[in-house]
C-alpha atoms as a PDB file:
ATOM      1  CA  MET A   1     -31.171  -6.935 -29.262  1.00  0.00           C
ATOM      2  CA  ALA A   2     -29.104  -8.066 -26.300  1.00  0.00           C
ATOM      3  CA  MET A   3     -25.432  -7.170 -26.272  1.00  0.00           C
ATOM      4  CA  THR A   4     -22.955  -9.915 -25.387  1.00  0.00           C
ATOM      5  CA  ARG A   5     -19.576  -9.284 -23.789  1.00  0.00           C
ATOM      6  CA  ARG A   6     -16.931 -11.830 -22.862  1.00  0.00           C
ATOM      7  CA  ILE A   7     -14.910 -10.557 -19.935  1.00  0.00           C
ATOM      8  CA  THR A   8     -11.156 -10.589 -20.385  1.00  0.00           C
ATOM      9  CA  ARG A   9      -8.635 -11.846 -17.837  1.00  0.00           C
ATOM     10  CA  GLY A  10      -7.540  -8.321 -16.979  1.00  0.00           C
ATOM     11  CA  PHE A  11     -11.079  -7.333 -16.082  1.00  0.00           C
ATOM     12  CA  LEU A  12     -11.673 -10.462 -14.049  1.00  0.00           C
ATOM     13  CA  ILE A  13      -9.181 -10.059 -11.243  1.00  0.00           C
ATOM     14  CA  SER A  14      -6.392  -7.869  -9.898  1.00  0.00           C
ATOM     15  CA  VAL A  15      -3.050  -9.508  -9.158  1.00  0.00           C
ATOM     16  CA  ILE A  16      -0.779  -7.798  -6.663  1.00  0.00           C
ATOM     17  CA  ILE A  17       2.875  -8.825  -6.317  1.00  0.00           C
ATOM     18  CA  ALA A  18       4.113  -8.943  -2.732  1.00  0.00           C
ATOM     19  CA  ALA A  19       7.106 -10.700  -1.191  1.00  0.00           C
ATOM     20  CA  GLY A  20       7.844 -12.321  -4.515  1.00  0.00           C
ATOM     21  CA  ALA A  21       4.453 -14.061  -4.660  1.00  0.00           C
ATOM     22  CA  ALA A  22       1.278 -13.233  -6.512  1.00  0.00           C
ATOM     23  CA  LEU A  23      -1.527 -12.576  -4.049  1.00  0.00           C
ATOM     24  CA  ILE A  24      -5.067 -12.509  -5.299  1.00  0.00           C
ATOM     25  CA  ARG A  25      -7.052  -9.578  -4.055  1.00  0.00           C
ATOM     26  CA  ALA A  26     -10.830  -9.278  -4.186  1.00  0.00           C
ATOM     27  CA  GLN A  27     -11.893  -7.882  -7.516  1.00  0.00           C
ATOM     28  CA  SER A  28     -12.882  -4.266  -7.897  1.00  0.00           C
ATOM     29  CA  PHE A  29     -15.080  -3.424 -10.827  1.00  0.00           C
ATOM     30  CA  THR A  30     -15.004   0.035 -12.356  1.00  0.00           C
ATOM     31  CA  PRO A  31     -18.021   1.494 -14.112  1.00  0.00           C
ATOM     32  CA  MET A  32     -17.826   1.237 -17.891  1.00  0.00           C
ATOM     33  CA  PRO A  33     -18.798   4.398 -19.805  1.00  0.00           C
ATOM     34  CA  GLN A  34     -21.429   2.539 -21.821  1.00  0.00           C
ATOM     35  CA  ASN A  35     -22.692   0.632 -18.791  1.00  0.00           C
ATOM     36  CA  PRO A  36     -22.747   2.885 -15.709  1.00  0.00           C
ATOM     37  CA  PRO A  37     -24.465   2.026 -12.429  1.00  0.00           C
ATOM     38  CA  ARG A  38     -28.034   3.233 -12.083  1.00  0.00           C
ATOM     39  CA  GLU A  39     -30.964   2.590  -9.800  1.00  0.00           C
ATOM     40  CA  PHE A  40     -32.786   0.163 -12.115  1.00  0.00           C
ATOM     41  CA  GLY A  41     -32.293  -1.474 -15.506  1.00  0.00           C
ATOM     42  CA  ALA A  42     -28.519  -1.993 -15.358  1.00  0.00           C
ATOM     43  CA  SER A  43     -26.430  -5.061 -16.171  1.00  0.00           C
ATOM     44  CA  ILE A  44     -24.951  -7.764 -13.932  1.00  0.00           C
ATOM     45  CA  THR A  45     -21.488  -9.255 -14.446  1.00  0.00           C
ATOM     46  CA  PRO A  46     -20.292 -12.606 -13.039  1.00  0.00           C
ATOM     47  CA  ALA A  47     -17.103 -12.284 -10.963  1.00  0.00           C
ATOM     48  CA  PHE A  48     -14.296 -14.804 -10.585  1.00  0.00           C
ATOM     49  CA  GLU A  49     -12.827 -14.570  -7.079  1.00  0.00           C
ATOM     50  CA  GLY A  50     -10.410 -17.495  -7.613  1.00  0.00           C
ATOM     51  CA  TRP A  51     -10.166 -21.251  -7.151  1.00  0.00           C
ATOM     52  CA  TYR A  52      -8.861 -23.649  -4.521  1.00  0.00           C
ATOM     53  CA  GLU A  53      -7.973 -27.315  -4.152  1.00  0.00           C
ATOM     54  CA  ASN A  54      -9.921 -29.771  -2.009  1.00  0.00           C
ATOM     55  CA  ALA A  55      -8.534 -32.661   0.041  1.00  0.00           C
ATOM     56  CA  ASP A  56     -10.076 -35.234  -2.319  1.00  0.00           C
ATOM     57  CA  GLY A  57      -8.291 -33.743  -5.338  1.00  0.00           C
ATOM     58  CA  SER A  58     -11.291 -31.892  -6.719  1.00  0.00           C
ATOM     59  CA  HIS A  59     -11.179 -28.163  -7.442  1.00  0.00           C
ATOM     60  CA  THR A  60     -13.594 -25.424  -6.419  1.00  0.00           C
ATOM     61  CA  PHE A  61     -14.304 -22.128  -8.166  1.00  0.00           C
ATOM     62  CA  LEU A  62     -15.330 -19.233  -5.923  1.00  0.00           C
ATOM     63  CA  ILE A  63     -17.800 -16.964  -7.706  1.00  0.00           C
ATOM     64  CA  GLY A  64     -19.575 -13.676  -7.065  1.00  0.00           C
ATOM     65  CA  TYR A  65     -21.090 -10.960  -9.199  1.00  0.00           C
ATOM     66  CA  TYR A  66     -21.329  -7.205  -9.729  1.00  0.00           C
ATOM     67  CA  SER A  67     -24.781  -5.731 -10.215  1.00  0.00           C
ATOM     68  CA  ARG A  68     -24.725  -2.174 -11.527  1.00  0.00           C
ATOM     69  CA  ASN A  69     -28.221  -1.740 -10.134  1.00  0.00           C
ATOM     70  CA  THR A  70     -28.026   0.397  -7.014  1.00  0.00           C
ATOM     71  CA  VAL A  71     -31.681  -0.011  -5.937  1.00  0.00           C
ATOM     72  CA  GLY A  72     -33.386  -2.698  -7.994  1.00  0.00           C
ATOM     73  CA  GLU A  73     -32.897  -6.384  -7.273  1.00  0.00           C
ATOM     74  CA  VAL A  74     -33.176  -8.630 -10.321  1.00  0.00           C
ATOM     75  CA  GLU A  75     -34.686 -12.067 -10.952  1.00  0.00           C
ATOM     76  CA  VAL A  76     -33.005 -14.194 -13.648  1.00  0.00           C
ATOM     77  CA  PRO A  77     -34.308 -17.797 -13.775  1.00  0.00           C
ATOM     78  CA  ILE A  78     -32.079 -20.704 -14.722  1.00  0.00           C
ATOM     79  CA  GLY A  79     -32.202 -21.017 -18.497  1.00  0.00           C
ATOM     80  CA  PRO A  80     -30.896 -19.173 -21.552  1.00  0.00           C
ATOM     81  CA  ASN A  81     -30.308 -16.006 -19.508  1.00  0.00           C
ATOM     82  CA  ASN A  82     -28.607 -17.686 -16.546  1.00  0.00           C
ATOM     83  CA  HIS A  83     -26.603 -20.810 -17.272  1.00  0.00           C
ATOM     84  CA  PHE A  84     -23.242 -22.543 -17.171  1.00  0.00           C
ATOM     85  CA  GLU A  85     -21.623 -24.386 -20.046  1.00  0.00           C
ATOM     86  CA  PRO A  86     -20.446 -26.912 -20.991  1.00  0.00           C
ATOM     87  CA  GLY A  87     -22.405 -29.523 -19.083  1.00  0.00           C
ATOM     88  CA  GLU A  88     -25.071 -28.903 -16.483  1.00  0.00           C
ATOM     89  CA  PRO A  89     -26.499 -25.360 -16.882  1.00  0.00           C
ATOM     90  CA  ASP A  90     -27.593 -25.238 -13.241  1.00  0.00           C
ATOM     91  CA  ARG A  91     -24.498 -25.198 -11.003  1.00  0.00           C
ATOM     92  CA  GLY A  92     -26.234 -23.763  -7.955  1.00  0.00           C
ATOM     93  CA  GLN A  93     -25.915 -20.118  -9.017  1.00  0.00           C
ATOM     94  CA  PRO A  94     -28.374 -17.517  -7.728  1.00  0.00           C
ATOM     95  CA  THR A  95     -31.532 -16.561  -9.579  1.00  0.00           C
ATOM     96  CA  HIS A  96     -32.148 -13.530  -7.350  1.00  0.00           C
ATOM     97  CA  PHE A  97     -29.478 -10.843  -7.635  1.00  0.00           C
ATOM     98  CA  LEU A  98     -28.853  -8.196  -5.015  1.00  0.00           C
ATOM     99  CA  THR A  99     -27.502  -4.738  -5.719  1.00  0.00           C
ATOM    100  CA  SER A 100     -23.826  -3.770  -5.981  1.00  0.00           C
ATOM    101  CA  ARG A 101     -20.732  -5.992  -5.688  1.00  0.00           C
ATOM    102  CA  ARG A 102     -21.273  -9.374  -4.044  1.00  0.00           C
ATOM    103  CA  TYR A 103     -18.134 -11.319  -3.180  1.00  0.00           C
ATOM    104  CA  GLY A 104     -17.878 -15.103  -3.260  1.00  0.00           C
ATOM    105  CA  MET A 105     -21.603 -15.852  -3.130  1.00  0.00           C
ATOM    106  CA  PHE A 106     -21.365 -19.495  -4.209  1.00  0.00           C
ATOM    107  CA  THR A 107     -19.010 -22.244  -5.304  1.00  0.00           C
ATOM    108  CA  VAL A 108     -18.817 -24.712  -8.168  1.00  0.00           C
ATOM    109  CA  THR A 109     -16.732 -27.845  -7.643  1.00  0.00           C
ATOM    110  CA  VAL A 110     -15.254 -29.807 -10.554  1.00  0.00           C
ATOM    111  CA  PRO A 111     -13.660 -33.293 -10.362  1.00  0.00           C
ATOM    112  CA  LYS A 112      -9.937 -33.886  -9.967  1.00  0.00           C
ATOM    113  CA  GLU A 113      -9.790 -34.950 -13.620  1.00  0.00           C
ATOM    114  CA  PHE A 114     -10.654 -31.360 -14.622  1.00  0.00           C
ATOM    115  CA  THR A 115      -7.465 -30.025 -16.230  1.00  0.00           C
ATOM    116  CA  LYS A 116      -5.872 -26.605 -15.974  1.00  0.00           C
ATOM    117  CA  THR A 117      -6.787 -25.859 -19.585  1.00  0.00           C
ATOM    118  CA  GLN A 118     -10.477 -26.696 -19.191  1.00  0.00           C
ATOM    119  CA  LYS A 119     -13.009 -23.951 -18.560  1.00  0.00           C
ATOM    120  CA  ILE A 120     -16.585 -23.551 -17.476  1.00  0.00           C
ATOM    121  CA  THR A 121     -18.425 -20.364 -18.368  1.00  0.00           C
ATOM    122  CA  TRP A 122     -21.251 -18.545 -16.616  1.00  0.00           C
ATOM    123  CA  THR A 123     -23.455 -16.546 -18.977  1.00  0.00           C
ATOM    124  CA  LEU A 124     -25.792 -14.020 -17.419  1.00  0.00           C
ATOM    125  CA  THR A 125     -28.274 -11.753 -19.194  1.00  0.00           C
ATOM    126  CA  ALA A 126     -29.947  -8.979 -17.206  1.00  0.00           C
ATOM    127  CA  ASN A 127     -31.888  -6.040 -18.572  1.00  0.00           C
ATOM    128  CA  GLY A 128     -30.967  -6.925 -22.148  1.00  0.00           C
ATOM    129  CA  GLN A 129     -27.201  -7.074 -21.588  1.00  0.00           C
ATOM    130  CA  THR A 130     -25.229 -10.325 -21.596  1.00  0.00           C
ATOM    131  CA  PHE A 131     -21.874 -11.104 -19.999  1.00  0.00           C
ATOM    132  CA  SER A 132     -20.021 -14.430 -20.186  1.00  0.00           C
ATOM    133  CA  VAL A 133     -17.160 -15.121 -17.786  1.00  0.00           C
ATOM    134  CA  PRO A 134     -14.925 -18.213 -18.012  1.00  0.00           C
ATOM    135  CA  PHE A 135     -13.499 -19.932 -14.921  1.00  0.00           C
ATOM    136  CA  TYR A 136     -10.312 -21.974 -15.080  1.00  0.00           C
ATOM    137  CA  MET A 137      -7.392 -22.945 -12.883  1.00  0.00           C
ATOM    138  CA  HIS A 138      -4.850 -20.308 -13.795  1.00  0.00           C
ATOM    139  CA  PRO A 139      -2.102 -20.274 -11.127  1.00  0.00           C
ATOM    140  CA  ASP A 140      -2.545 -16.540 -10.544  1.00  0.00           C
ATOM    141  CA  TYR A 141      -6.134 -17.172  -9.481  1.00  0.00           C
ATOM    142  CA  ASN A 142      -5.313 -19.738  -6.771  1.00  0.00           C
ATOM    143  CA  VAL A 143      -6.636 -18.479  -3.418  1.00  0.00           C
ATOM    144  CA  SER A 144      -6.718 -19.571   0.220  1.00  0.00           C
ATOM    145  CA  PRO A 145     -10.172 -18.651   1.578  1.00  0.00           C
ATOM    146  CA  PHE A 146      -9.870 -20.835   4.693  1.00  0.00           C
ATOM    147  CA  GLN A 147      -6.708 -19.234   6.115  1.00  0.00           C
ATOM    148  CA  SER A 148      -5.281 -15.778   5.613  1.00  0.00           C
ATOM    149  CA  SER A 149      -2.102 -15.425   3.600  1.00  0.00           C
ATOM    150  CA  GLU A 150      -0.536 -13.160   6.231  1.00  0.00           C
ATOM    151  CA  GLN A 151       0.097 -14.127   9.837  1.00  0.00           C
ATOM    152  CA  GLY A 152      -0.868 -11.684  12.547  1.00  0.00           C
ATOM    153  CA  ALA A 153       0.464 -11.344  16.060  1.00  0.00           C
ATOM    154  CA  HIS A 154      -1.787 -14.186  17.222  1.00  0.00           C
ATOM    155  CA  GLY A 155      -1.709 -16.433  14.176  1.00  0.00           C
ATOM    156  CA  TYR A 156      -3.503 -16.748  10.866  1.00  0.00           C
ATOM    157  CA  ASN A 157      -7.058 -15.547  10.466  1.00  0.00           C
ATOM    158  CA  THR A 158      -9.739 -18.139   9.686  1.00  0.00           C
ATOM    159  CA  PRO A 159     -13.409 -17.715   8.667  1.00  0.00           C
ATOM    160  CA  PRO A 160     -16.300 -17.581  11.128  1.00  0.00           C
ATOM    161  CA  ARG A 161     -18.153 -20.801  11.900  1.00  0.00           C
ATOM    162  CA  LEU A 162     -21.946 -20.686  11.481  1.00  0.00           C
ATOM    163  CA  ARG A 163     -24.587 -23.028  12.874  1.00  0.00           C
ATOM    164  CA  PHE A 164     -28.354 -22.869  12.466  1.00  0.00           C
ATOM    165  CA  ASP A 165     -29.042 -25.128  15.433  1.00  0.00           C
ATOM    166  CA  LEU A 166     -27.233 -24.977  18.759  1.00  0.00           C
ATOM    167  CA  ASN A 167     -25.542 -28.334  18.163  1.00  0.00           C
ATOM    168  CA  GLY A 168     -26.030 -28.420  14.387  1.00  0.00           C
ATOM    169  CA  THR A 169     -23.636 -28.705  11.459  1.00  0.00           C
ATOM    170  CA  ALA A 170     -21.028 -25.930  11.325  1.00  0.00           C
ATOM    171  CA  PHE A 171     -20.262 -24.054   8.112  1.00  0.00           C
ATOM    172  CA  ALA A 172     -16.871 -22.363   7.728  1.00  0.00           C
ATOM    173  CA  GLY A 173     -15.536 -20.576   4.665  1.00  0.00           C
ATOM    174  CA  PRO A 174     -17.190 -19.452   1.419  1.00  0.00           C
ATOM    175  CA  ILE A 175     -18.682 -22.840   0.589  1.00  0.00           C
ATOM    176  CA  ALA A 176     -22.292 -21.963  -0.250  1.00  0.00           C
ATOM    177  CA  ASN A 177     -23.812 -24.429  -2.683  1.00  0.00           C
ATOM    178  CA  ALA A 178     -27.229 -26.024  -2.947  1.00  0.00           C
ATOM    179  CA  GLN A 179     -25.662 -29.441  -2.268  1.00  0.00           C
ATOM    180  CA  HIS A 180     -24.570 -28.260   1.192  1.00  0.00           C
ATOM    181  CA  ALA A 181     -27.871 -26.584   2.111  1.00  0.00           C
ATOM    182  CA  ILE A 182     -29.732 -27.259   5.323  1.00  0.00           C
ATOM    183  CA  GLY A 183     -33.498 -27.787   5.146  1.00  0.00           C
ATOM    184  CA  ARG A 184     -36.432 -25.957   6.697  1.00  0.00           C
ATOM    185  CA  THR A 185     -40.201 -25.818   6.174  1.00  0.00           C
ATOM    186  CA  ALA A 186     -42.479 -22.794   6.385  1.00  0.00           C
ATOM    187  CA  THR A 187     -45.988 -21.596   5.605  1.00  0.00           C
ATOM    188  CA  ALA A 188     -46.611 -18.784   3.125  1.00  0.00           C
ATOM    189  CA  GLY A 189     -47.360 -15.496   4.861  1.00  0.00           C
ATOM    190  CA  GLU A 190     -46.325 -16.732   8.290  1.00  0.00           C
ATOM    191  CA  PRO A 191     -42.990 -15.810   9.920  1.00  0.00           C
ATOM    192  CA  MET A 192     -40.336 -18.502  10.072  1.00  0.00           C
ATOM    193  CA  ALA A 193     -37.699 -18.151  12.774  1.00  0.00           C
ATOM    194  CA  VAL A 194     -34.047 -18.056  11.727  1.00  0.00           C
ATOM    195  CA  ASP A 195     -31.435 -18.493  14.471  1.00  0.00           C
ATOM    196  CA  VAL A 196     -27.722 -18.215  13.767  1.00  0.00           C
ATOM    197  CA  TRP A 197     -24.835 -19.053  16.091  1.00  0.00           C
ATOM    198  CA  ALA A 198     -21.400 -17.717  15.125  1.00  0.00           C
ATOM    199  CA  ASP A 199     -17.895 -18.428  16.414  1.00  0.00           C
ATOM    200  CA  ASP A 200     -14.734 -16.657  15.265  1.00  0.00           C
ATOM    201  CA  ASP A 201     -11.072 -16.221  16.172  1.00  0.00           C
ATOM    202  CA  ALA A 202     -11.491 -12.405  16.053  1.00  0.00           C
ATOM    203  CA  ARG A 203      -8.390 -11.910  13.914  1.00  0.00           C
ATOM    204  CA  TYR A 204      -7.752  -9.808  10.828  1.00  0.00           C
ATOM    205  CA  SER A 205      -6.818 -11.187   7.404  1.00  0.00           C
ATOM    206  CA  THR A 206      -4.292  -8.460   6.569  1.00  0.00           C
ATOM    207  CA  ALA A 207      -2.768  -5.392   8.161  1.00  0.00           C
ATOM    208  CA  THR A 208      -4.842  -3.253   5.797  1.00  0.00           C
ATOM    209  CA  SER A 209      -8.011  -4.731   7.305  1.00  0.00           C
ATOM    210  CA  VAL A 210      -7.292  -3.276  10.743  1.00  0.00           C
ATOM    211  CA  PRO A 211      -9.625  -0.339  11.439  1.00  0.00           C
ATOM    212  CA  ILE A 212      -8.193   3.159  11.754  1.00  0.00           C
ATOM    213  CA  ASP A 213      -9.304   3.300  15.375  1.00  0.00           C
ATOM    214  CA  PRO A 214      -8.606  -0.111  16.988  1.00  0.00           C
ATOM    215  CA  ALA A 215     -10.457   1.082  20.100  1.00  0.00           C
ATOM    216  CA  LYS A 216     -13.685   1.161  18.072  1.00  0.00           C
ATOM    217  CA  PRO A 217     -13.510  -1.841  15.730  1.00  0.00           C
ATOM    218  CA  ARG A 218     -16.382  -3.164  13.680  1.00  0.00           C
ATOM    219  CA  PRO A 219     -18.288  -6.085  15.251  1.00  0.00           C
ATOM    220  CA  PRO A 220     -16.318  -9.366  15.297  1.00  0.00           C
ATOM    221  CA  VAL A 221     -18.913 -10.977  12.980  1.00  0.00           C
ATOM    222  CA  THR A 222     -21.608  -9.339  10.859  1.00  0.00           C
ATOM    223  CA  LEU A 223     -24.427 -11.197   9.100  1.00  0.00           C
ATOM    224  CA  LEU A 224     -26.357 -10.622   5.896  1.00  0.00           C
ATOM    225  CA  LEU A 225     -29.390 -12.756   5.014  1.00  0.00           C
ATOM    226  CA  SER A 226     -30.941 -12.529   1.560  1.00  0.00           C
ATOM    227  CA  LYS A 227     -33.125 -14.264  -0.955  1.00  0.00           C
ATOM    228  CA  TYR A 228     -31.116 -16.540  -3.264  1.00  0.00           C
ATOM    229  CA  ARG A 229     -33.817 -18.403  -5.192  1.00  0.00           C
ATOM    230  CA  GLY A 230     -37.574 -18.750  -5.064  1.00  0.00           C
ATOM    231  CA  PRO A 231     -40.853 -18.003  -6.846  1.00  0.00           C
ATOM    232  CA  GLY A 232     -42.167 -15.258  -4.565  1.00  0.00           C
ATOM    233  CA  SER A 233     -41.204 -12.400  -2.308  1.00  0.00           C
ATOM    234  CA  VAL A 234     -38.982 -12.937   0.724  1.00  0.00           C
ATOM    235  CA  THR A 235     -39.231 -10.434   3.570  1.00  0.00           C
ATOM    236  CA  PHE A 236     -36.879 -10.457   6.560  1.00  0.00           C
ATOM    237  CA  ALA A 237     -37.754  -8.779   9.834  1.00  0.00           C
ATOM    238  CA  ASP A 238     -34.056  -7.859   9.871  1.00  0.00           C
ATOM    239  CA  SER A 239     -31.745  -8.969   7.058  1.00  0.00           C
ATOM    240  CA  ARG A 240     -28.686  -7.835   9.045  1.00  0.00           C
ATOM    241  CA  PRO A 241     -29.462  -9.150  12.526  1.00  0.00           C
ATOM    242  CA  LYS A 242     -26.958  -8.105  15.139  1.00  0.00           C
ATOM    243  CA  LEU A 243     -25.252 -10.900  17.004  1.00  0.00           C
ATOM    244  CA  GLU A 244     -25.661 -10.905  20.749  1.00  0.00           C
ATOM    245  CA  THR A 245     -22.221 -11.503  22.224  1.00  0.00           C
ATOM    246  CA  LEU A 246     -21.954 -14.667  24.285  1.00  0.00           C
ATOM    247  CA  THR A 247     -18.167 -14.632  24.786  1.00  0.00           C
ATOM    248  CA  GLY A 248     -15.345 -12.381  23.609  1.00  0.00           C
ATOM    249  CA  GLY A 249     -15.972  -9.221  21.654  1.00  0.00           C
ATOM    250  CA  LYS A 250     -12.489  -7.733  21.242  1.00  0.00           C
ATOM    251  CA  PRO A 251      -9.775  -8.254  18.581  1.00  0.00           C
ATOM    252  CA  ASP A 252      -7.813 -11.493  19.000  1.00  0.00           C
ATOM    253  CA  GLU A 253     -10.265 -12.643  21.697  1.00  0.00           C
ATOM    254  CA  PRO A 254     -12.195 -15.781  20.644  1.00  0.00           C
ATOM    255  CA  TYR A 255     -15.756 -14.758  19.958  1.00  0.00           C
ATOM    256  CA  ALA A 256     -19.167 -16.416  20.122  1.00  0.00           C
ATOM    257  CA  GLY A 257     -22.543 -14.860  19.437  1.00  0.00           C
ATOM    258  CA  LYS A 258     -26.147 -15.568  18.501  1.00  0.00           C
ATOM    259  CA  ALA A 259     -28.593 -13.707  16.271  1.00  0.00           C
ATOM    260  CA  SER A 260     -32.283 -14.254  15.601  1.00  0.00           C
ATOM    261  CA  THR A 261     -34.716 -12.914  13.033  1.00  0.00           C
ATOM    262  CA  THR A 262     -37.786 -14.036  11.108  1.00  0.00           C
ATOM    263  CA  VAL A 263     -38.624 -14.309   7.416  1.00  0.00           C
ATOM    264  CA  LYS A 264     -41.909 -14.419   5.474  1.00  0.00           C
ATOM    265  CA  PHE A 265     -42.482 -15.957   2.061  1.00  0.00           C
ATOM    266  CA  GLY A 266     -44.999 -14.435  -0.327  1.00  0.00           C
ATOM    267  CA  GLN A 267     -46.217 -17.658  -1.903  1.00  0.00           C
ATOM    268  CA  PRO A 268     -45.719 -21.436  -1.714  1.00  0.00           C
ATOM    269  CA  GLY A 269     -42.786 -23.090  -3.434  1.00  0.00           C
ATOM    270  CA  ASP A 270     -39.143 -24.006  -3.011  1.00  0.00           C
ATOM    271  CA  TYR A 271     -36.808 -21.252  -1.844  1.00  0.00           C
ATOM    272  CA  MET A 272     -33.169 -20.794  -0.957  1.00  0.00           C
ATOM    273  CA  LEU A 273     -31.884 -18.219   1.494  1.00  0.00           C
ATOM    274  CA  HIS A 274     -28.272 -17.057   1.418  1.00  0.00           C
ATOM    275  CA  VAL A 275     -26.375 -16.294   4.626  1.00  0.00           C
ATOM    276  CA  MET A 276     -23.053 -14.463   4.625  1.00  0.00           C
ATOM    277  CA  ALA A 277     -20.868 -13.846   7.675  1.00  0.00           C
ATOM    278  CA  ASN A 278     -17.963 -11.396   7.540  1.00  0.00           C
ATOM    279  CA  ASP A 279     -15.358 -11.213  10.276  1.00  0.00           C
ATOM    280  CA  TYR A 280     -13.283  -8.181  11.338  1.00  0.00           C
ATOM    281  CA  SER A 281     -11.707  -8.093   7.861  1.00  0.00           C
ATOM    282  CA  GLY A 282     -14.972  -6.914   6.350  1.00  0.00           C
ATOM    283  CA  ASN A 283     -16.669  -7.411   2.989  1.00  0.00           C
ATOM    284  CA  GLY A 284     -14.542  -9.396   0.567  1.00  0.00           C
ATOM    285  CA  GLY A 285     -12.061 -10.209   3.306  1.00  0.00           C
ATOM    286  CA  GLY A 286     -10.503  -6.767   3.131  1.00  0.00           C
ATOM    287  CA  GLY A 287      -9.082  -7.644  -0.288  1.00  0.00           C
ATOM    288  CA  SER A 288      -7.473 -10.929   0.745  1.00  0.00           C
ATOM    289  CA  VAL A 289     -10.152 -13.429  -0.426  1.00  0.00           C
ATOM    290  CA  CYS A 290     -10.302 -14.596   3.206  1.00  0.00           C
ATOM    291  CA  CYS A 291     -12.040 -14.873   5.590  1.00  0.00           C
ATOM    292  CA  TRP A 292     -15.810 -15.011   5.249  1.00  0.00           C
ATOM    293  CA  THR A 293     -18.416 -17.751   5.436  1.00  0.00           C
ATOM    294  CA  THR A 294     -21.462 -18.470   3.293  1.00  0.00           C
ATOM    295  CA  ALA A 295     -24.280 -20.967   3.660  1.00  0.00           C
ATOM    296  CA  ILE A 296     -27.611 -21.741   2.029  1.00  0.00           C
ATOM    297  CA  VAL A 297     -30.874 -22.583   3.776  1.00  0.00           C
ATOM    298  CA  ARG A 298     -33.335 -24.466   1.573  1.00  0.00           C
ATOM    299  CA  VAL A 299     -36.961 -23.783   2.564  1.00  0.00           C
ATOM    300  CA  SER A 300     -40.027 -25.707   1.405  1.00  0.00           C
ATOM    301  CA  VAL A 301     -42.947 -23.297   1.723  1.00  0.00           C
ATOM    302  CA  ARG A 302     -46.464 -24.680   1.801  1.00  0.00           C
ATOM    303  CA  GLY A 303     -49.705 -22.786   1.294  1.00  0.00           C
ATOM    304  CA  SER A 304     -51.382 -21.087   4.204  1.00  0.00           C
ATOM    305  CA  SER A 305     -53.838 -23.209   6.151  1.00  0.00           C
ATOM    306  CA  PRO A 306     -57.535 -22.505   5.552  1.00  0.00           C
ATOM    307  CA  ASN A 307     -59.453 -20.970   8.428  1.00  0.00           C
ATOM    308  CA  PRO A 308     -61.015 -23.679  10.601  1.00  0.00           C
ATOM    309  CA  THR A 309     -64.770 -23.975  10.314  1.00  0.00           C
ATOM    310  CA  ILE A 310     -67.104 -24.052  13.259  1.00  0.00           C
ATOM    311  CA  GLU A 311     -69.760 -26.787  13.185  1.00  0.00           C
ATOM    312  CA  GLY A 312     -73.219 -25.464  12.522  1.00  0.00           C
ATOM    313  CA  ARG A 313     -72.089 -22.133  11.086  1.00  0.00           C
END
């Protein structure tokens, strides 16, 4: 029988008081004695990173997860084991779950009429263990993912800007959602090219994000490509393609770069790929809930073409 746990507010998020204001830091999950990490067969917990206001008055919840699986990736289709409530069960959440802690993987936007007392809940069952996490607009959870809360010597940090075509639409901030996806087509078993252009201000979100040795900083922008949804296997030639520097390359020096890789799909169907770009601040924004960028690529994969026949043979 599956066990069900409803995560409490204290487990959801850490609130740190600084300069008289509550600053939301990226969540850190600690192993539970009855639910420790292991290579395969462990649970997955939804994670509430926070919420933010949009210019049109709507509100957006920023959501990630913590998989206690250290090797095995898990498929959980939309349905009783992977759904939101009340309302539409499919809010663009992943059905393919990577290992470990994954910060701000997707967003769910609710209308401006959504009140501060209303909640939506993500219920996720993996390997026989169920967790339900509510999301609501508590003031302590309000975050600013598009501009750092602390100003550095050269201004506030902002997220990288990603494009999948040289002059294509730019994505900036953790805004991944199926509604914002770009489209591609591919053939099962054949490599599909993925090109990514990235621009960034090369700043840090907080002083704690600055590397110990500033002379040897991490790359200005790092990429991670992964399967997000789809019926078959997804294999990247390089899921962490290194960006070739076009301009910049040092802290506080505007940066531009390009990366290329390929991906193969195991069978026909509709897929989504997830792309995450971290700046100098690192995974989870160095604890500041800023500044990283996410995007989704929707791929329609057709069956492989039959071998052409030769007349008379």
